[in-house]
Amino acid sequence: MAAATFETGVFLGVLIGEGHFGGDGKQPQVTVRMHLRHERLFGRLLEWCPGSRLYGPYHHGGRSYFQWMVRGDVLRERLVPLLDALPLEDIDEHVYERYQAMKAKYGL
């Protein structure tokens, strides 16, 4: 994904607004979970971040959603450099802290 494009801005906006920065105890992961009505947006996330995965649809607790996930080499080689190039701390301190905590916990 080329820097400073509209698509990059939308992609990063979704991560900042909806992303979860964590892991499963063994490996780091970035997850976005949203209602089925956002299926088209999930298709774009897959295009913008090749190697990411889409799971679902899930129906649980009265909710219907998809879950998009980035792990492994895609996370380390594509997503982390993109996020590290942002002034994330200036954009959203809470997201910045969650992202930094994930990086520290998993040695990224």
PDB file of N, CA and C in Angstrom:
ATOM      1  N   MET A   1       0.845  -1.173   0.000  1.00  0.00           N
ATOM      2  CA  MET A   1       0.000   0.000   0.000  1.00  0.00           C
ATOM      3  C   MET A   1       0.889   1.235   0.000  1.00  0.00           C
ATOM      4  N   ALA A   2       0.677   2.113  -0.941  1.00  0.00           N
ATOM      5  CA  ALA A   2       1.480   3.329  -1.041  1.00  0.00           C
ATOM      6  C   ALA A   2       1.139   4.289   0.090  1.00  0.00           C
ATOM      7  N   ALA A   3       2.155   4.963   0.595  1.00  0.00           N
ATOM      8  CA  ALA A   3       1.949   5.917   1.687  1.00  0.00           C
ATOM      9  C   ALA A   3       1.157   7.114   1.195  1.00  0.00           C
ATOM     10  N   ALA A   4       0.447   7.741   2.109  1.00  0.00           N
ATOM     11  CA  ALA A   4      -0.258   9.001   1.872  1.00  0.00           C
ATOM     12  C   ALA A   4      -1.349   8.894   0.823  1.00  0.00           C
ATOM     13  N   THR A   5      -1.967   7.750   0.653  1.00  0.00           N
ATOM     14  CA  THR A   5      -3.082   7.612  -0.260  1.00  0.00           C
ATOM     15  C   THR A   5      -4.386   7.609   0.525  1.00  0.00           C
ATOM     16  N   PHE A   6      -5.468   7.860  -0.166  1.00  0.00           N
ATOM     17  CA  PHE A   6      -6.788   7.800   0.454  1.00  0.00           C
ATOM     18  C   PHE A   6      -7.021   6.440   1.093  1.00  0.00           C
ATOM     19  N   GLU A   7      -6.667   5.370   0.366  1.00  0.00           N
ATOM     20  CA  GLU A   7      -6.876   4.017   0.882  1.00  0.00           C
ATOM     21  C   GLU A   7      -6.096   3.782   2.165  1.00  0.00           C
ATOM     22  N   THR A   8      -4.869   4.284   2.206  1.00  0.00           N
ATOM     23  CA  THR A   8      -4.071   4.139   3.424  1.00  0.00           C
ATOM     24  C   THR A   8      -4.745   4.863   4.580  1.00  0.00           C
ATOM     25  N   GLY A   9      -5.283   6.034   4.310  1.00  0.00           N
ATOM     26  CA  GLY A   9      -5.971   6.798   5.351  1.00  0.00           C
ATOM     27  C   GLY A   9      -7.194   6.077   5.886  1.00  0.00           C
ATOM     28  N   VAL A  10      -7.989   5.509   4.992  1.00  0.00           N
ATOM     29  CA  VAL A  10      -9.162   4.762   5.427  1.00  0.00           C
ATOM     30  C   VAL A  10      -8.730   3.537   6.222  1.00  0.00           C
ATOM     31  N   PHE A  11      -7.752   2.825   5.702  1.00  0.00           N
ATOM     32  CA  PHE A  11      -7.232   1.622   6.369  1.00  0.00           C
ATOM     33  C   PHE A  11      -6.785   1.942   7.790  1.00  0.00           C
ATOM     34  N   LEU A  12      -5.976   2.979   7.928  1.00  0.00           N
ATOM     35  CA  LEU A  12      -5.478   3.350   9.249  1.00  0.00           C
ATOM     36  C   LEU A  12      -6.596   3.877  10.137  1.00  0.00           C
ATOM     37  N   GLY A  13      -7.554   4.571   9.563  1.00  0.00           N
ATOM     38  CA  GLY A  13      -8.695   5.045  10.346  1.00  0.00           C
ATOM     39  C   GLY A  13      -9.500   3.899  10.935  1.00  0.00           C
ATOM     40  N   VAL A  14      -9.702   2.848  10.133  1.00  0.00           N
ATOM     41  CA  VAL A  14     -10.412   1.674  10.640  1.00  0.00           C
ATOM     42  C   VAL A  14      -9.621   1.040  11.783  1.00  0.00           C
ATOM     43  N   LEU A  15      -8.309   0.925  11.628  1.00  0.00           N
ATOM     44  CA  LEU A  15      -7.488   0.330  12.685  1.00  0.00           C
ATOM     45  C   LEU A  15      -7.532   1.165  13.953  1.00  0.00           C
ATOM     46  N   ILE A  16      -7.461   2.480  13.812  1.00  0.00           N
ATOM     47  CA  ILE A  16      -7.488   3.352  14.982  1.00  0.00           C
ATOM     48  C   ILE A  16      -8.857   3.306  15.654  1.00  0.00           C
ATOM     49  N   GLY A  17      -9.928   3.304  14.857  1.00  0.00           N
ATOM     50  CA  GLY A  17     -11.265   3.338  15.423  1.00  0.00           C
ATOM     51  C   GLY A  17     -11.804   2.009  15.895  1.00  0.00           C
ATOM     52  N   GLU A  18     -11.439   0.933  15.226  1.00  0.00           N
ATOM     53  CA  GLU A  18     -12.043  -0.369  15.506  1.00  0.00           C
ATOM     54  C   GLU A  18     -11.044  -1.463  15.864  1.00  0.00           C
ATOM     55  N   GLY A  19      -9.751  -1.203  15.707  1.00  0.00           N
ATOM     56  CA  GLY A  19      -8.756  -2.252  15.884  1.00  0.00           C
ATOM     57  C   GLY A  19      -8.498  -2.625  17.328  1.00  0.00           C
ATOM     58  N   HIS A  20      -8.188  -3.887  17.513  1.00  0.00           N
ATOM     59  CA  HIS A  20      -7.731  -4.400  18.804  1.00  0.00           C
ATOM     60  C   HIS A  20      -6.288  -4.853  18.610  1.00  0.00           C
ATOM     61  N   PHE A  21      -5.402  -4.351  19.443  1.00  0.00           N
ATOM     62  CA  PHE A  21      -3.983  -4.671  19.365  1.00  0.00           C
ATOM     63  C   PHE A  21      -3.655  -5.578  20.536  1.00  0.00           C
ATOM     64  N   GLY A  22      -3.386  -6.841  20.253  1.00  0.00           N
ATOM     65  CA  GLY A  22      -3.140  -7.794  21.325  1.00  0.00           C
ATOM     66  C   GLY A  22      -2.444  -9.029  20.802  1.00  0.00           C
ATOM     67  N   GLY A  23      -2.926 -10.163  21.273  1.00  0.00           N
ATOM     68  CA  GLY A  23      -2.338 -11.422  20.863  1.00  0.00           C
ATOM     69  C   GLY A  23      -3.017 -12.575  21.556  1.00  0.00           C
ATOM     70  N   ASP A  24      -2.536 -13.759  21.261  1.00  0.00           N
ATOM     71  CA  ASP A  24      -3.126 -14.963  21.836  1.00  0.00           C
ATOM     72  C   ASP A  24      -2.228 -15.581  22.905  1.00  0.00           C
ATOM     73  N   GLY A  25      -1.237 -14.823  23.361  1.00  0.00           N
ATOM     74  CA  GLY A  25      -0.287 -15.341  24.342  1.00  0.00           C
ATOM     75  C   GLY A  25       0.969 -15.892  23.699  1.00  0.00           C
ATOM     76  N   LYS A  26       0.876 -16.295  22.436  1.00  0.00           N
ATOM     77  CA  LYS A  26       2.026 -16.833  21.717  1.00  0.00           C
ATOM     78  C   LYS A  26       2.496 -15.909  20.607  1.00  0.00           C
ATOM     79  N   GLN A  27       1.550 -15.239  19.955  1.00  0.00           N
ATOM     80  CA  GLN A  27       1.911 -14.359  18.844  1.00  0.00           C
ATOM     81  C   GLN A  27       1.018 -13.118  18.860  1.00  0.00           C
ATOM     82  N   PRO A  28       1.564 -11.993  18.393  1.00  0.00           N
ATOM     83  CA  PRO A  28       0.773 -10.771  18.332  1.00  0.00           C
ATOM     84  C   PRO A  28      -0.250 -10.836  17.207  1.00  0.00           C
ATOM     85  N   GLN A  29      -1.301 -10.049  17.358  1.00  0.00           N
ATOM     86  CA  GLN A  29      -2.298  -9.965  16.306  1.00  0.00           C
ATOM     87  C   GLN A  29      -3.050  -8.645  16.409  1.00  0.00           C
ATOM     88  N   VAL A  30      -3.495  -8.179  15.264  1.00  0.00           N
ATOM     89  CA  VAL A  30      -4.384  -7.022  15.192  1.00  0.00           C
ATOM     90  C   VAL A  30      -5.700  -7.547  14.646  1.00  0.00           C
ATOM     91  N   THR A  31      -6.792  -7.212  15.331  1.00  0.00           N
ATOM     92  CA  THR A  31      -8.106  -7.733  14.998  1.00  0.00           C
ATOM     93  C   THR A  31      -9.094  -6.590  14.839  1.00  0.00           C
ATOM     94  N   VAL A  32      -9.957  -6.699  13.847  1.00  0.00           N
ATOM     95  CA  VAL A  32     -11.087  -5.787  13.681  1.00  0.00           C
ATOM     96  C   VAL A  32     -12.334  -6.654  13.599  1.00  0.00           C
ATOM     97  N   ARG A  33     -13.295  -6.365  14.470  1.00  0.00           N
ATOM     98  CA  ARG A  33     -14.553  -7.112  14.496  1.00  0.00           C
ATOM     99  C   ARG A  33     -15.684  -6.098  14.291  1.00  0.00           C
ATOM    100  N   MET A  34     -16.489  -6.343  13.251  1.00  0.00           N
ATOM    101  CA  MET A  34     -17.611  -5.456  12.972  1.00  0.00           C
ATOM    102  C   MET A  34     -18.792  -6.240  12.400  1.00  0.00           C
ATOM    103  N   HIS A  35     -19.944  -5.615  12.428  1.00  0.00           N
ATOM    104  CA  HIS A  35     -21.200  -6.190  11.959  1.00  0.00           C
ATOM    105  C   HIS A  35     -21.097  -6.638  10.494  1.00  0.00           C
ATOM    106  N   LEU A  36     -21.933  -7.583  10.149  1.00  0.00           N
ATOM    107  CA  LEU A  36     -21.975  -8.111   8.781  1.00  0.00           C
ATOM    108  C   LEU A  36     -22.210  -7.028   7.739  1.00  0.00           C
ATOM    109  N   ARG A  37     -22.885  -5.960   8.124  1.00  0.00           N
ATOM    110  CA  ARG A  37     -23.187  -4.907   7.141  1.00  0.00           C
ATOM    111  C   ARG A  37     -21.928  -4.230   6.611  1.00  0.00           C
ATOM    112  N   HIS A  38     -20.780  -4.483   7.243  1.00  0.00           N
ATOM    113  CA  HIS A  38     -19.510  -3.904   6.804  1.00  0.00           C
ATOM    114  C   HIS A  38     -18.706  -4.866   5.926  1.00  0.00           C
ATOM    115  N   GLU A  39     -19.369  -5.852   5.346  1.00  0.00           N
ATOM    116  CA  GLU A  39     -18.681  -6.877   4.555  1.00  0.00           C
ATOM    117  C   GLU A  39     -17.844  -6.273   3.427  1.00  0.00           C
ATOM    118  N   ARG A  40     -18.360  -5.278   2.750  1.00  0.00           N
ATOM    119  CA  ARG A  40     -17.612  -4.659   1.648  1.00  0.00           C
ATOM    120  C   ARG A  40     -16.311  -4.033   2.159  1.00  0.00           C
ATOM    121  N   LEU A  41     -16.375  -3.384   3.308  1.00  0.00           N
ATOM    122  CA  LEU A  41     -15.172  -2.792   3.903  1.00  0.00           C
ATOM    123  C   LEU A  41     -14.158  -3.878   4.247  1.00  0.00           C
ATOM    124  N   PHE A  42     -14.623  -5.005   4.759  1.00  0.00           N
ATOM    125  CA  PHE A  42     -13.698  -6.104   5.055  1.00  0.00           C
ATOM    126  C   PHE A  42     -13.001  -6.590   3.790  1.00  0.00           C
ATOM    127  N   GLY A  43     -13.716  -6.611   2.685  1.00  0.00           N
ATOM    128  CA  GLY A  43     -13.093  -6.985   1.415  1.00  0.00           C
ATOM    129  C   GLY A  43     -11.961  -6.041   1.061  1.00  0.00           C
ATOM    130  N   ARG A  44     -12.158  -4.759   1.335  1.00  0.00           N
ATOM    131  CA  ARG A  44     -11.101  -3.783   1.077  1.00  0.00           C
ATOM    132  C   ARG A  44      -9.916  -3.994   2.010  1.00  0.00           C
ATOM    133  N   LEU A  45     -10.174  -4.299   3.277  1.00  0.00           N
ATOM    134  CA  LEU A  45      -9.069  -4.558   4.208  1.00  0.00           C
ATOM    135  C   LEU A  45      -8.205  -5.705   3.707  1.00  0.00           C
ATOM    136  N   LEU A  46      -8.856  -6.735   3.160  1.00  0.00           N
ATOM    137  CA  LEU A  46      -8.106  -7.871   2.607  1.00  0.00           C
ATOM    138  C   LEU A  46      -7.257  -7.444   1.415  1.00  0.00           C
ATOM    139  N   GLU A  47      -7.789  -6.553   0.580  1.00  0.00           N
ATOM    140  CA  GLU A  47      -7.027  -6.045  -0.569  1.00  0.00           C
ATOM    141  C   GLU A  47      -5.854  -5.189  -0.111  1.00  0.00           C
ATOM    142  N   TRP A  48      -6.108  -4.317   0.853  1.00  0.00           N
ATOM    143  CA  TRP A  48      -5.103  -3.361   1.305  1.00  0.00           C
ATOM    144  C   TRP A  48      -4.015  -4.005   2.151  1.00  0.00           C
ATOM    145  N   CYS A  49      -4.313  -5.166   2.720  1.00  0.00           N
ATOM    146  CA  CYS A  49      -3.320  -5.851   3.554  1.00  0.00           C
ATOM    147  C   CYS A  49      -3.262  -7.320   3.121  1.00  0.00           C
ATOM    148  N   PRO A  50      -2.603  -7.586   1.983  1.00  0.00           N
ATOM    149  CA  PRO A  50      -2.507  -8.964   1.500  1.00  0.00           C
ATOM    150  C   PRO A  50      -1.890  -9.881   2.558  1.00  0.00           C
ATOM    151  N   GLY A  51      -2.490 -11.036   2.709  1.00  0.00           N
ATOM    152  CA  GLY A  51      -2.029 -11.987   3.708  1.00  0.00           C
ATOM    153  C   GLY A  51      -2.831 -11.925   4.992  1.00  0.00           C
ATOM    154  N   SER A  52      -3.653 -10.885   5.147  1.00  0.00           N
ATOM    155  CA  SER A  52      -4.549 -10.831   6.305  1.00  0.00           C
ATOM    156  C   SER A  52      -5.670 -11.841   6.075  1.00  0.00           C
ATOM    157  N   ARG A  53      -6.439 -12.115   7.117  1.00  0.00           N
ATOM    158  CA  ARG A  53      -7.477 -13.147   7.021  1.00  0.00           C
ATOM    159  C   ARG A  53      -8.816 -12.602   7.498  1.00  0.00           C
ATOM    160  N   LEU A  54      -9.891 -13.120   6.903  1.00  0.00           N
ATOM    161  CA  LEU A  54     -11.243 -12.779   7.328  1.00  0.00           C
ATOM    162  C   LEU A  54     -11.923 -14.042   7.823  1.00  0.00           C
ATOM    163  N   TYR A  55     -12.529 -13.953   8.998  1.00  0.00           N
ATOM    164  CA  TYR A  55     -13.222 -15.086   9.603  1.00  0.00           C
ATOM    165  C   TYR A  55     -14.689 -14.719   9.802  1.00  0.00           C
ATOM    166  N   GLY A  56     -15.526 -15.723   9.696  1.00  0.00           N
ATOM    167  CA  GLY A  56     -16.946 -15.509   9.905  1.00  0.00           C
ATOM    168  C   GLY A  56     -17.715 -15.736   8.617  1.00  0.00           C
ATOM    169  N   PRO A  57     -18.970 -15.425   8.615  1.00  0.00           N
ATOM    170  CA  PRO A  57     -19.663 -14.669   9.647  1.00  0.00           C
ATOM    171  C   PRO A  57     -19.930 -15.510  10.897  1.00  0.00           C
ATOM    172  N   TYR A  58     -19.903 -14.815  12.022  1.00  0.00           N
ATOM    173  CA  TYR A  58     -20.230 -15.418  13.309  1.00  0.00           C
ATOM    174  C   TYR A  58     -21.563 -14.869  13.779  1.00  0.00           C
ATOM    175  N   HIS A  59     -22.289 -15.681  14.483  1.00  0.00           N
ATOM    176  CA  HIS A  59     -23.563 -15.279  15.087  1.00  0.00           C
ATOM    177  C   HIS A  59     -23.489 -15.714  16.545  1.00  0.00           C
ATOM    178  N   HIS A  60     -23.350 -14.740  17.426  1.00  0.00           N
ATOM    179  CA  HIS A  60     -23.131 -15.065  18.829  1.00  0.00           C
ATOM    180  C   HIS A  60     -23.726 -13.966  19.703  1.00  0.00           C
ATOM    181  N   GLY A  61     -24.466 -14.362  20.708  1.00  0.00           N
ATOM    182  CA  GLY A  61     -25.008 -13.400  21.667  1.00  0.00           C
ATOM    183  C   GLY A  61     -25.884 -12.334  21.038  1.00  0.00           C
ATOM    184  N   GLY A  62     -26.626 -12.702  19.993  1.00  0.00           N
ATOM    185  CA  GLY A  62     -27.487 -11.739  19.332  1.00  0.00           C
ATOM    186  C   GLY A  62     -26.766 -10.830  18.350  1.00  0.00           C
ATOM    187  N   ARG A  63     -25.485 -11.061  18.157  1.00  0.00           N
ATOM    188  CA  ARG A  63     -24.695 -10.258  17.219  1.00  0.00           C
ATOM    189  C   ARG A  63     -24.292 -11.117  16.022  1.00  0.00           C
ATOM    190  N   SER A  64     -24.149 -10.453  14.887  1.00  0.00           N
ATOM    191  CA  SER A  64     -23.660 -11.105  13.677  1.00  0.00           C
ATOM    192  C   SER A  64     -22.492 -10.271  13.168  1.00  0.00           C
ATOM    193  N   TYR A  65     -21.320 -10.894  13.043  1.00  0.00           N
ATOM    194  CA  TYR A  65     -20.126 -10.116  12.726  1.00  0.00           C
ATOM    195  C   TYR A  65     -19.099 -10.933  11.963  1.00  0.00           C
ATOM    196  N   PHE A  66     -18.182 -10.195  11.333  1.00  0.00           N
ATOM    197  CA  PHE A  66     -16.969 -10.751  10.757  1.00  0.00           C
ATOM    198  C   PHE A  66     -15.804 -10.341  11.644  1.00  0.00           C
ATOM    199  N   GLN A  67     -14.722 -11.091  11.540  1.00  0.00           N
ATOM    200  CA  GLN A  67     -13.498 -10.743  12.253  1.00  0.00           C
ATOM    201  C   GLN A  67     -12.327 -10.818  11.278  1.00  0.00           C
ATOM    202  N   TRP A  68     -11.646  -9.692  11.126  1.00  0.00           N
ATOM    203  CA  TRP A  68     -10.475  -9.578  10.257  1.00  0.00           C
ATOM    204  C   TRP A  68      -9.243  -9.615  11.152  1.00  0.00           C
ATOM    205  N   MET A  69      -8.199 -10.333  10.721  1.00  0.00           N
ATOM    206  CA  MET A  69      -7.042 -10.513  11.580  1.00  0.00           C
ATOM    207  C   MET A  69      -5.734 -10.461  10.791  1.00  0.00           C
ATOM    208  N   VAL A  70      -4.735  -9.865  11.427  1.00  0.00           N
ATOM    209  CA  VAL A  70      -3.380  -9.818  10.875  1.00  0.00           C
ATOM    210  C   VAL A  70      -2.444 -10.396  11.923  1.00  0.00           C
ATOM    211  N   ARG A  71      -1.636 -11.374  11.496  1.00  0.00           N
ATOM    212  CA  ARG A  71      -0.653 -12.030  12.376  1.00  0.00           C
ATOM    213  C   ARG A  71       0.625 -12.286  11.591  1.00  0.00           C
ATOM    214  N   GLY A  72       1.610 -12.831  12.275  1.00  0.00           N
ATOM    215  CA  GLY A  72       2.815 -13.352  11.644  1.00  0.00           C
ATOM    216  C   GLY A  72       3.602 -12.340  10.840  1.00  0.00           C
ATOM    217  N   ASP A  73       4.161 -12.822   9.723  1.00  0.00           N
ATOM    218  CA  ASP A  73       5.014 -11.983   8.883  1.00  0.00           C
ATOM    219  C   ASP A  73       4.268 -10.761   8.342  1.00  0.00           C
ATOM    220  N   VAL A  74       2.988 -10.919   8.031  1.00  0.00           N
ATOM    221  CA  VAL A  74       2.208  -9.794   7.512  1.00  0.00           C
ATOM    222  C   VAL A  74       2.161  -8.678   8.551  1.00  0.00           C
ATOM    223  N   LEU A  75       1.965  -9.046   9.793  1.00  0.00           N
ATOM    224  CA  LEU A  75       1.949  -8.050  10.868  1.00  0.00           C
ATOM    225  C   LEU A  75       3.317  -7.402  11.023  1.00  0.00           C
ATOM    226  N   ARG A  76       4.350  -8.231  11.111  1.00  0.00           N
ATOM    227  CA  ARG A  76       5.696  -7.710  11.355  1.00  0.00           C
ATOM    228  C   ARG A  76       6.257  -6.899  10.175  1.00  0.00           C
ATOM    229  N   GLU A  77       6.029  -7.392   8.970  1.00  0.00           N
ATOM    230  CA  GLU A  77       6.681  -6.796   7.797  1.00  0.00           C
ATOM    231  C   GLU A  77       5.850  -5.723   7.093  1.00  0.00           C
ATOM    232  N   ARG A  78       4.542  -5.746   7.264  1.00  0.00           N
ATOM    233  CA  ARG A  78       3.691  -4.773   6.575  1.00  0.00           C
ATOM    234  C   ARG A  78       3.034  -3.784   7.531  1.00  0.00           C
ATOM    235  N   LEU A  79       2.339  -4.320   8.534  1.00  0.00           N
ATOM    236  CA  LEU A  79       1.520  -3.452   9.375  1.00  0.00           C
ATOM    237  C   LEU A  79       2.331  -2.657  10.382  1.00  0.00           C
ATOM    238  N   VAL A  80       3.274  -3.295  11.055  1.00  0.00           N
ATOM    239  CA  VAL A  80       4.081  -2.575  12.055  1.00  0.00           C
ATOM    240  C   VAL A  80       4.851  -1.405  11.425  1.00  0.00           C
ATOM    241  N   PRO A  81       5.526  -1.586  10.293  1.00  0.00           N
ATOM    242  CA  PRO A  81       6.203  -0.425   9.700  1.00  0.00           C
ATOM    243  C   PRO A  81       5.242   0.705   9.322  1.00  0.00           C
ATOM    244  N   LEU A  82       4.064   0.348   8.854  1.00  0.00           N
ATOM    245  CA  LEU A  82       3.077   1.360   8.497  1.00  0.00           C
ATOM    246  C   LEU A  82       2.625   2.140   9.733  1.00  0.00           C
ATOM    247  N   LEU A  83       2.318   1.423  10.813  1.00  0.00           N
ATOM    248  CA  LEU A  83       1.884   2.086  12.046  1.00  0.00           C
ATOM    249  C   LEU A  83       3.023   2.863  12.701  1.00  0.00           C
ATOM    250  N   ASP A  84       4.229   2.319  12.631  1.00  0.00           N
ATOM    251  CA  ASP A  84       5.377   3.015  13.229  1.00  0.00           C
ATOM    252  C   ASP A  84       5.687   4.329  12.525  1.00  0.00           C
ATOM    253  N   ALA A  85       5.320   4.443  11.257  1.00  0.00           N
ATOM    254  CA  ALA A  85       5.592   5.672  10.498  1.00  0.00           C
ATOM    255  C   ALA A  85       4.593   6.789  10.821  1.00  0.00           C
ATOM    256  N   LEU A  86       3.543   6.469  11.555  1.00  0.00           N
ATOM    257  CA  LEU A  86       2.518   7.462  11.897  1.00  0.00           C
ATOM    258  C   LEU A  86       2.859   8.204  13.181  1.00  0.00           C
ATOM    259  N   PRO A  87       2.364   9.426  13.306  1.00  0.00           N
ATOM    260  CA  PRO A  87       2.439  10.098  14.611  1.00  0.00           C
ATOM    261  C   PRO A  87       1.274   9.617  15.481  1.00  0.00           C
ATOM    262  N   LEU A  88       1.189   8.310  15.703  1.00  0.00           N
ATOM    263  CA  LEU A  88       0.048   7.688  16.368  1.00  0.00           C
ATOM    264  C   LEU A  88      -0.208   8.271  17.750  1.00  0.00           C
ATOM    265  N   GLU A  89       0.852   8.574  18.483  1.00  0.00           N
ATOM    266  CA  GLU A  89       0.686   9.135  19.825  1.00  0.00           C
ATOM    267  C   GLU A  89      -0.060  10.469  19.766  1.00  0.00           C
ATOM    268  N   ASP A  90       0.176  11.240  18.723  1.00  0.00           N
ATOM    269  CA  ASP A  90      -0.493  12.529  18.560  1.00  0.00           C
ATOM    270  C   ASP A  90      -1.925  12.376  18.059  1.00  0.00           C
ATOM    271  N   ILE A  91      -2.221  11.273  17.382  1.00  0.00           N
ATOM    272  CA  ILE A  91      -3.551  11.048  16.823  1.00  0.00           C
ATOM    273  C   ILE A  91      -4.499  10.496  17.879  1.00  0.00           C
ATOM    274  N   ASP A  92      -4.063   9.464  18.608  1.00  0.00           N
ATOM    275  CA  ASP A  92      -4.918   8.817  19.602  1.00  0.00           C
ATOM    276  C   ASP A  92      -4.026   8.152  20.651  1.00  0.00           C
ATOM    277  N   GLU A  93      -3.903   8.778  21.801  1.00  0.00           N
ATOM    278  CA  GLU A  93      -2.999   8.292  22.842  1.00  0.00           C
ATOM    279  C   GLU A  93      -3.372   6.891  23.329  1.00  0.00           C
ATOM    280  N   HIS A  94      -4.672   6.627  23.454  1.00  0.00           N
ATOM    281  CA  HIS A  94      -5.112   5.313  23.933  1.00  0.00           C
ATOM    282  C   HIS A  94      -4.700   4.206  22.952  1.00  0.00           C
ATOM    283  N   VAL A  95      -4.939   4.428  21.669  1.00  0.00           N
ATOM    284  CA  VAL A  95      -4.550   3.445  20.656  1.00  0.00           C
ATOM    285  C   VAL A  95      -3.034   3.291  20.644  1.00  0.00           C
ATOM    286  N   TYR A  96      -2.325   4.406  20.742  1.00  0.00           N
ATOM    287  CA  TYR A  96      -0.856   4.365  20.783  1.00  0.00           C
ATOM    288  C   TYR A  96      -0.380   3.495  21.942  1.00  0.00           C
ATOM    289  N   GLU A  97      -0.964   3.659  23.119  1.00  0.00           N
ATOM    290  CA  GLU A  97      -0.554   2.871  24.295  1.00  0.00           C
ATOM    291  C   GLU A  97      -0.857   1.389  24.096  1.00  0.00           C
ATOM    292  N   ARG A  98      -2.011   1.066  23.539  1.00  0.00           N
ATOM    293  CA  ARG A  98      -2.357  -0.340  23.281  1.00  0.00           C
ATOM    294  C   ARG A  98      -1.397  -0.950  22.265  1.00  0.00           C
ATOM    295  N   TYR A  99      -1.083  -0.197  21.230  1.00  0.00           N
ATOM    296  CA  TYR A  99      -0.158  -0.669  20.199  1.00  0.00           C
ATOM    297  C   TYR A  99       1.235  -0.887  20.778  1.00  0.00           C
ATOM    298  N   GLN A 100       1.721   0.052  21.560  1.00  0.00           N
ATOM    299  CA  GLN A 100       3.043  -0.073  22.188  1.00  0.00           C
ATOM    300  C   GLN A 100       3.076  -1.261  23.160  1.00  0.00           C
ATOM    301  N   ALA A 101       2.002  -1.473  23.896  1.00  0.00           N
ATOM    302  CA  ALA A 101       1.937  -2.604  24.826  1.00  0.00           C
ATOM    303  C   ALA A 101       2.016  -3.929  24.076  1.00  0.00           C
ATOM    304  N   MET A 102       1.322  -4.024  22.930  1.00  0.00           N
ATOM    305  CA  MET A 102       1.395  -5.235  22.114  1.00  0.00           C
ATOM    306  C   MET A 102       2.820  -5.449  21.624  1.00  0.00           C
ATOM    307  N   LYS A 103       3.450  -4.382  21.134  1.00  0.00           N
ATOM    308  CA  LYS A 103       4.823  -4.510  20.638  1.00  0.00           C
ATOM    309  C   LYS A 103       5.774  -4.945  21.745  1.00  0.00           C
ATOM    310  N   ALA A 104       5.631  -4.381  22.935  1.00  0.00           N
ATOM    311  CA  ALA A 104       6.511  -4.742  24.050  1.00  0.00           C
ATOM    312  C   ALA A 104       6.291  -6.188  24.482  1.00  0.00           C
ATOM    313  N   LYS A 105       5.039  -6.586  24.613  1.00  0.00           N
ATOM    314  CA  LYS A 105       4.723  -7.944  25.074  1.00  0.00           C
ATOM    315  C   LYS A 105       5.252  -9.015  24.129  1.00  0.00           C
ATOM    316  N   TYR A 106       5.204  -8.728  22.825  1.00  0.00           N
ATOM    317  CA  TYR A 106       5.591  -9.728  21.831  1.00  0.00           C
ATOM    318  C   TYR A 106       6.926  -9.435  21.155  1.00  0.00           C
ATOM    319  N   GLY A 107       7.669  -8.489  21.676  1.00  0.00           N
ATOM    320  CA  GLY A 107       9.014  -8.218  21.167  1.00  0.00           C
ATOM    321  C   GLY A 107       9.061  -7.735  19.738  1.00  0.00           C
ATOM    322  N   LEU A 108       8.132  -6.914  19.353  1.00  0.00           N
ATOM    323  CA  LEU A 108       8.121  -6.368  17.985  1.00  0.00           C
ATOM    324  C   LEU A 108       8.942  -5.101  17.907  1.00  0.00           C
TER     325      LEU A 108
END
